[in-house]
Protein backbone atom coordinates (compact mmCIF):
# COMPACT_ATOMS: atom_id res chain seq x y z
CA UNK A 1 122.84 -122.13 -54.93
CA UNK A 2 125.06 -119.27 -56.05
CA UNK A 3 127.17 -119.11 -59.20
CA UNK A 4 130.76 -118.22 -58.40
CA UNK A 5 133.81 -117.76 -60.61
CA UNK A 6 137.21 -118.64 -59.17
CA UNK A 7 140.74 -118.13 -60.46
CA UNK A 8 143.30 -120.83 -59.70
CA UNK A 9 147.04 -120.57 -60.14
CA UNK A 10 150.24 -122.38 -59.25
CA UNK A 11 153.93 -121.83 -59.92
CA UNK A 12 155.48 -124.39 -57.59
CA UNK A 13 155.94 -128.12 -58.04
CA UNK A 14 153.72 -129.92 -60.55
CA UNK A 15 151.61 -126.88 -61.41
CA UNK A 16 148.95 -128.75 -63.40
CA UNK A 17 148.53 -131.36 -60.66
CA UNK A 18 148.25 -128.63 -58.04
CA UNK A 19 145.39 -127.02 -60.00
CA UNK A 20 143.72 -130.38 -60.58
CA UNK A 21 143.97 -131.27 -56.88
CA UNK A 22 142.61 -127.86 -55.90
CA UNK A 23 139.49 -128.46 -58.01
CA UNK A 24 138.92 -131.75 -56.18
CA UNK A 25 139.26 -130.02 -52.82
CA UNK A 26 136.90 -127.23 -53.91
CA UNK A 27 134.24 -129.80 -54.83
CA UNK A 28 134.62 -131.51 -51.48
CA UNK A 29 135.25 -128.66 -49.03
CA UNK A 30 133.14 -125.91 -50.61
CA UNK A 31 130.00 -128.00 -51.23
CA UNK A 32 130.58 -127.06 -54.87
CA UNK A 33 129.57 -128.39 -58.24
CA UNK A 34 132.05 -127.44 -60.98
CA UNK A 35 129.95 -126.31 -63.93
CA UNK A 36 132.83 -125.30 -66.25
CA UNK A 37 136.56 -124.87 -66.34
CA UNK A 38 138.76 -123.03 -68.79
CA UNK A 39 141.77 -124.32 -70.61
CA UNK A 40 145.06 -124.09 -68.80
CA UNK A 41 147.16 -120.97 -69.41
CA UNK A 42 150.84 -120.54 -68.80
CA UNK A 43 151.25 -117.00 -67.58
CA UNK A 44 153.97 -114.57 -66.74
CA UNK A 45 154.17 -113.57 -63.10
CA UNK A 46 153.01 -110.02 -62.37
CA UNK A 47 154.91 -110.00 -59.08
CA UNK A 48 157.82 -107.66 -58.48
CA UNK A 49 159.59 -110.76 -57.09
CA UNK A 50 161.30 -112.76 -59.85
CA UNK A 51 159.76 -116.23 -60.02
CA UNK A 52 158.64 -119.08 -62.26
CA UNK A 53 155.72 -118.84 -64.64
CA UNK A 54 152.26 -119.82 -63.47
CA UNK A 55 149.63 -122.23 -64.65
CA UNK A 56 146.24 -120.49 -64.35
CA UNK A 57 142.66 -121.37 -65.08
CA UNK A 58 139.18 -120.20 -64.19
CA UNK A 59 136.31 -122.34 -62.94
CA UNK A 60 132.60 -121.77 -62.55
CA UNK A 61 131.05 -123.39 -59.50
CA UNK A 62 127.72 -123.42 -57.79
CA UNK A 63 127.74 -123.52 -54.01
CA UNK A 64 125.41 -122.98 -51.10
CA UNK A 65 128.21 -121.36 -49.08
CA UNK A 66 127.94 -117.63 -48.56
CA UNK A 67 131.06 -115.55 -49.37
CA UNK A 68 132.87 -115.60 -46.01
CA UNK A 69 132.48 -119.36 -45.37
CA UNK A 70 133.57 -119.92 -48.99
CA UNK A 71 136.66 -117.79 -48.41
CA UNK A 72 137.47 -119.69 -45.20
CA UNK A 73 137.18 -123.01 -47.06
CA UNK A 74 139.41 -121.73 -49.87
CA UNK A 75 142.07 -120.58 -47.38
CA UNK A 76 141.93 -124.01 -45.70
CA UNK A 77 142.49 -125.65 -49.09
CA UNK A 78 145.48 -123.41 -49.82
CA UNK A 79 147.00 -124.27 -46.43
CA UNK A 80 146.26 -127.99 -46.88
CA UNK A 81 148.04 -127.91 -50.23
CA UNK A 82 151.16 -126.36 -48.70
CA UNK A 83 150.76 -122.68 -49.37
CA UNK A 84 152.91 -120.55 -47.10
CA UNK A 85 152.75 -116.76 -47.18
CA UNK A 86 156.45 -116.02 -46.95
CA UNK A 87 156.32 -112.91 -49.15
CA UNK A 88 153.46 -110.91 -50.59
CA UNK A 89 153.03 -111.91 -54.26
CA UNK A 90 155.66 -114.61 -53.76
CA UNK A 91 155.75 -118.09 -55.31
CA UNK A 92 152.89 -120.37 -54.34
CA UNK A 93 151.80 -123.96 -54.59
CA UNK A 94 148.22 -122.82 -55.13
CA UNK A 95 146.36 -119.55 -55.18
CA UNK A 96 142.57 -119.48 -55.32
CA UNK A 97 140.70 -116.20 -55.67
CA UNK A 98 136.99 -115.45 -55.70
CA UNK A 99 136.43 -113.31 -58.81
CA UNK A 100 132.66 -112.97 -59.04
CA UNK A 101 129.89 -114.21 -56.74
CA UNK A 102 126.68 -113.77 -58.71
CA UNK A 103 126.13 -110.03 -58.99
CA UNK A 104 127.21 -109.40 -55.40
CA UNK A 105 129.28 -106.36 -54.51
CA UNK A 106 131.06 -106.73 -51.18
CA UNK A 107 133.93 -104.99 -49.43
CA UNK A 108 135.28 -106.16 -46.11
CA UNK A 109 138.64 -106.32 -44.42
CA UNK A 110 139.22 -109.86 -45.73
CA UNK A 111 137.24 -110.09 -48.95
CA UNK A 112 136.36 -107.85 -51.87
CA UNK A 113 133.87 -109.02 -54.51
CA UNK A 114 134.25 -108.58 -57.39
CA UNK A 115 137.99 -109.22 -57.06
CA UNK A 116 139.57 -105.80 -56.82
CA UNK A 117 142.21 -106.35 -59.54
CA UNK A 118 140.52 -108.83 -61.88
CA UNK A 119 139.88 -106.26 -64.60
CA UNK A 120 143.60 -105.38 -64.70
CA UNK A 121 144.98 -108.91 -65.00
CA UNK A 122 145.25 -110.75 -68.29
CA UNK A 123 146.01 -114.03 -66.46
CA UNK A 124 142.56 -113.77 -64.84
CA UNK A 125 140.56 -112.40 -67.75
CA UNK A 126 141.81 -114.71 -70.52
CA UNK A 127 140.69 -117.96 -68.82
CA UNK A 128 137.52 -116.36 -67.44
CA UNK A 129 136.51 -115.02 -70.86
CA UNK A 130 136.77 -118.56 -72.21
CA UNK A 131 134.04 -119.88 -69.87
CA UNK A 132 132.04 -116.73 -69.05
CA UNK A 133 132.48 -114.11 -71.78
CA UNK A 134 129.13 -112.49 -70.99
CA UNK A 135 129.51 -112.50 -67.20
CA UNK A 136 129.03 -108.93 -66.02
CA UNK A 137 131.36 -107.06 -63.68
CA UNK A 138 128.77 -105.60 -61.30
CA UNK A 139 130.67 -102.37 -60.65
CA UNK A 140 132.21 -101.62 -64.04
CA UNK A 141 129.06 -102.74 -65.91
CA UNK A 142 131.17 -104.47 -68.56
CA UNK A 143 131.31 -108.09 -69.65
CA UNK A 144 134.40 -110.18 -69.07
CA UNK A 145 135.07 -110.23 -72.83
CA UNK A 146 134.90 -106.40 -72.90
CA UNK A 147 137.29 -106.21 -69.95
CA UNK A 148 139.72 -108.53 -71.71
CA UNK A 149 139.62 -106.47 -74.91
CA UNK A 150 140.30 -103.30 -72.91
CA UNK A 151 142.94 -104.83 -70.61
CA UNK A 152 146.25 -102.97 -70.78
CA UNK A 153 148.21 -105.63 -68.85
CA UNK A 154 151.25 -106.43 -70.99
CA UNK A 155 152.10 -109.68 -69.19
CA UNK A 156 151.51 -112.68 -71.44
CA UNK A 157 149.00 -115.48 -70.97
CA UNK A 158 149.36 -118.40 -73.39
CA UNK A 159 146.79 -121.19 -73.61
CA UNK A 160 148.42 -124.61 -73.44
CA UNK A 161 147.21 -127.97 -74.72
CA UNK A 162 147.53 -129.92 -71.49
CA UNK A 163 144.18 -130.96 -70.03
CA UNK A 164 142.97 -130.42 -66.51
């Protein structure tokens, strides 16, 4: 079983329910056990397209799926939940990204691990630091908490009280 960290986000419909439903689908379709989840964060969109704020969180799972089958399952979940890619960085019902997969470093046409922009995004780092502050970025050789402290992203990420 591999330890994997995922980022989930939604800015369409009932954003909290979308994230909650996505976790259920991940358990079922990714042969995953959810070991931890962060609080929910309301976050400002980083997209150049004006849109609603997001609800984001990070989860830690264990799975026996290797990276590409995991990615395929995640894309199936996004489609099942109504995600349509109408515009790059556009609004979405659900967005699920693989952030870290153990200490694996991988670059392919369809998947980059660790996530190529995770260290530049407060909406990713704030929830991830809550559940995995000592997780190491295998390329930058810094912990998630170090990356968050050094993050220059000025977009806000505010923890909210609502429960997942």
